[in-house]
């Protein structure tokens, strides 16, 4: 068995850095503490958004975190977007919606529930330009179909002002550039 001991590793070409495949080059993270609501037939920004400028075009971006979502009517759909491109959705199947994830539903469409949805994808933006990652959401039907369908981030639909019920939560988005 060989052992390599060094005090310093210097890059071969000044300004390029030392690339070790699989290691984390940079990490960015945000915690969303505010609550929001949306009545929309289209996806809206949740407030979870981060910009990252990859050091290398070959790098991958690991997108992790979680989002707390709720609704008054059946389900909330979640998508992950890089710039204007929707990432990682289910396969097309007739008229079914293609989403990253959806909140669950109870048999009574419980307006007190909050669902925590984990976020975990590995993306290849293939650029050294700044890219934006964000989480968007909408109610599964939207007001065009149900009149007042509303989805929420970091709060329940009922949102009662009570010390025991309907907490306010946080959601988190983390980006890590991974060397290849």
Protein backbone atom coordinates (compact mmCIF):
# COMPACT_ATOMS: atom_id res chain seq x y z
CA UNK A 1 0.00 0.00 0.00
CA UNK A 2 1.28 3.46 -0.90
CA UNK A 3 0.85 6.59 1.19
CA UNK A 4 1.00 10.05 -0.30
CA UNK A 5 1.79 12.88 2.12
CA UNK A 6 1.82 16.51 0.96
CA UNK A 7 1.74 19.94 2.58
CA UNK A 8 0.55 21.84 -0.49
CA UNK A 9 -1.15 21.06 -3.79
CA UNK A 10 -0.63 23.71 -6.44
CA UNK A 11 -2.68 24.03 -9.59
CA UNK A 12 -0.89 23.38 -12.88
CA UNK A 13 -2.31 26.46 -14.65
CA UNK A 14 -2.90 29.63 -12.64
CA UNK A 15 -6.58 30.46 -12.15
CA UNK A 16 -7.98 27.03 -13.03
CA UNK A 17 -8.07 25.56 -9.53
CA UNK A 18 -7.57 21.93 -8.61
CA UNK A 19 -10.38 19.66 -9.80
CA UNK A 20 -11.06 16.50 -7.83
CA UNK A 21 -14.02 14.56 -9.32
CA UNK A 22 -16.88 14.13 -6.87
CA UNK A 23 -15.91 16.87 -4.45
CA UNK A 24 -18.07 19.87 -3.57
CA UNK A 25 -16.79 23.05 -5.20
CA UNK A 26 -19.33 25.43 -3.67
CA UNK A 27 -22.50 25.33 -1.58
CA UNK A 28 -25.33 27.87 -1.46
CA UNK A 29 -28.41 27.58 0.74
CA UNK A 30 -31.46 29.60 1.72
CA UNK A 31 -34.21 29.18 4.27
CA UNK A 32 -37.64 30.59 3.43
CA UNK A 33 -39.44 31.62 6.63
CA UNK A 34 -42.30 33.63 5.12
CA UNK A 35 -45.64 32.16 4.12
CA UNK A 36 -47.34 32.64 0.76
CA UNK A 37 -50.56 31.67 -0.99
CA UNK A 38 -51.58 31.42 -4.63
CA UNK A 39 -54.77 31.06 -6.63
CA UNK A 40 -53.49 30.45 -10.12
CA UNK A 41 -53.91 28.21 -13.14
CA UNK A 42 -50.16 28.57 -13.76
CA UNK A 43 -47.17 27.82 -11.56
CA UNK A 44 -45.99 30.67 -9.31
CA UNK A 45 -42.70 31.19 -7.49
CA UNK A 46 -42.64 29.85 -3.94
CA UNK A 47 -39.90 32.21 -2.79
CA UNK A 48 -37.31 29.40 -2.81
CA UNK A 49 -34.82 30.64 -5.40
CA UNK A 50 -31.02 30.66 -5.68
CA UNK A 51 -28.48 31.68 -8.32
CA UNK A 52 -25.25 29.74 -8.78
CA UNK A 53 -22.34 30.35 -11.16
CA UNK A 54 -20.64 27.01 -11.87
CA UNK A 55 -16.82 27.08 -11.92
CA UNK A 56 -16.76 24.44 -14.66
CA UNK A 57 -19.17 23.60 -17.51
CA UNK A 58 -18.75 19.89 -16.68
CA UNK A 59 -19.93 20.32 -13.08
CA UNK A 60 -23.19 18.89 -11.82
CA UNK A 61 -25.50 20.82 -9.49
CA UNK A 62 -27.04 18.87 -6.61
CA UNK A 63 -30.37 20.49 -5.73
CA UNK A 64 -31.66 19.48 -2.28
CA UNK A 65 -33.97 20.73 0.44
CA UNK A 66 -37.67 20.54 1.20
CA UNK A 67 -40.80 22.63 0.76
CA UNK A 68 -43.82 22.72 3.09
CA UNK A 69 -47.06 23.01 1.13
CA UNK A 70 -50.78 22.94 1.86
CA UNK A 71 -54.08 23.60 0.11
CA UNK A 72 -57.80 23.96 0.58
CA UNK A 73 -58.71 21.72 -2.31
CA UNK A 74 -57.20 18.27 -2.89
CA UNK A 75 -53.52 18.79 -3.94
CA UNK A 76 -50.65 21.18 -4.51
CA UNK A 77 -48.27 20.46 -7.40
CA UNK A 78 -44.56 21.30 -7.17
CA UNK A 79 -42.00 21.76 -9.98
CA UNK A 80 -38.28 22.56 -9.96
CA UNK A 81 -37.13 25.08 -12.56
CA UNK A 82 -33.64 25.96 -13.84
CA UNK A 83 -33.91 29.34 -15.56
CA UNK A 84 -36.99 28.62 -17.72
CA UNK A 85 -36.56 24.83 -17.96
CA UNK A 86 -38.70 22.53 -15.81
CA UNK A 87 -36.55 19.72 -14.38
CA UNK A 88 -37.33 16.16 -13.40
CA UNK A 89 -41.04 15.57 -13.93
CA UNK A 90 -42.96 12.33 -14.45
CA UNK A 91 -43.32 10.76 -17.89
CA UNK A 92 -46.09 11.94 -20.19
CA UNK A 93 -49.19 9.76 -19.94
CA UNK A 94 -52.26 10.96 -21.84
CA UNK A 95 -53.69 14.04 -20.06
CA UNK A 96 -52.06 13.45 -16.69
CA UNK A 97 -50.13 16.37 -15.17
CA UNK A 98 -46.34 16.09 -15.18
CA UNK A 99 -44.94 17.33 -11.88
CA UNK A 100 -41.91 16.83 -9.63
CA UNK A 101 -44.12 16.08 -6.62
CA UNK A 102 -47.57 16.54 -5.17
CA UNK A 103 -48.96 16.90 -1.68
CA UNK A 104 -51.06 14.01 -0.46
CA UNK A 105 -54.73 14.27 0.26
CA UNK A 106 -56.98 13.01 2.99
CA UNK A 107 -60.44 11.67 2.39
CA UNK A 108 -61.86 14.94 3.73
CA UNK A 109 -59.42 17.37 2.03
CA UNK A 110 -58.07 18.41 5.40
CA UNK A 111 -57.47 22.17 5.49
CA UNK A 112 -55.25 21.74 8.56
CA UNK A 113 -52.56 19.56 6.93
CA UNK A 114 -49.10 20.70 5.83
CA UNK A 115 -47.03 18.33 3.66
CA UNK A 116 -43.23 18.44 3.63
CA UNK A 117 -41.94 17.52 0.15
CA UNK A 118 -38.26 16.55 -0.14
CA UNK A 119 -36.20 17.99 -3.00
CA UNK A 120 -33.32 15.99 -4.44
CA UNK A 121 -32.13 16.09 -8.06
CA UNK A 122 -28.75 16.12 -9.79
CA UNK A 123 -28.70 18.57 -12.70
CA UNK A 124 -26.21 19.21 -15.52
CA UNK A 125 -26.53 22.86 -16.60
CA UNK A 126 -23.41 22.60 -18.86
CA UNK A 127 -22.42 26.24 -18.41
CA UNK A 128 -20.21 28.61 -16.45
CA UNK A 129 -22.85 31.33 -16.67
CA UNK A 130 -25.09 32.11 -13.71
CA UNK A 131 -28.13 29.84 -13.50
CA UNK A 132 -31.25 30.27 -11.37
CA UNK A 133 -32.98 27.40 -9.57
CA UNK A 134 -36.41 27.87 -8.08
CA UNK A 135 -39.34 25.91 -6.74
CA UNK A 136 -42.79 26.73 -8.12
CA UNK A 137 -46.25 25.59 -7.05
CA UNK A 138 -49.94 25.68 -7.92
CA UNK A 139 -53.21 24.14 -6.84
CA UNK A 140 -54.01 21.08 -8.91
CA UNK A 141 -57.20 22.61 -10.35
CA UNK A 142 -56.65 26.31 -10.03
CA UNK A 143 -59.47 28.84 -9.80
CA UNK A 144 -60.56 28.25 -13.41
CA UNK A 145 -61.87 24.81 -12.43
CA UNK A 146 -62.83 25.10 -8.78
CA UNK A 147 -63.54 28.80 -8.27
CA UNK A 148 -61.31 29.47 -5.28
CA UNK A 149 -58.73 26.67 -5.08
CA UNK A 150 -55.74 27.98 -3.12
CA UNK A 151 -52.34 26.50 -2.32
CA UNK A 152 -49.99 27.68 0.42
CA UNK A 153 -46.31 27.54 1.31
CA UNK A 154 -45.14 27.39 4.95
CA UNK A 155 -48.67 27.47 6.40
CA UNK A 156 -51.88 25.47 6.49
CA UNK A 157 -54.99 26.59 4.66
CA UNK A 158 -56.92 27.22 7.88
CA UNK A 159 -54.02 29.25 9.36
CA UNK A 160 -55.81 29.71 12.69
CA UNK A 161 -54.19 32.11 15.16
CA UNK A 162 -53.90 29.53 17.93
CA UNK A 163 -50.93 28.56 20.11
CA UNK A 164 -51.59 24.83 19.58
CA UNK A 165 -52.57 24.51 15.91
CA UNK A 166 -51.64 25.56 12.39
CA UNK A 167 -47.92 26.22 12.71
CA UNK A 168 -45.84 28.41 10.45
CA UNK A 169 -42.99 26.39 8.95
CA UNK A 170 -39.81 26.90 6.91
CA UNK A 171 -38.70 25.57 3.54
CA UNK A 172 -35.08 25.10 2.45
CA UNK A 173 -33.25 25.10 -0.89
CA UNK A 174 -29.56 24.10 -1.16
CA UNK A 175 -27.36 24.01 -4.27
CA UNK A 176 -23.99 22.23 -4.38
CA UNK A 177 -21.64 22.30 -7.34
CA UNK A 178 -20.07 18.86 -7.73
CA UNK A 179 -16.81 18.48 -9.69
CA UNK A 180 -16.72 15.87 -12.47
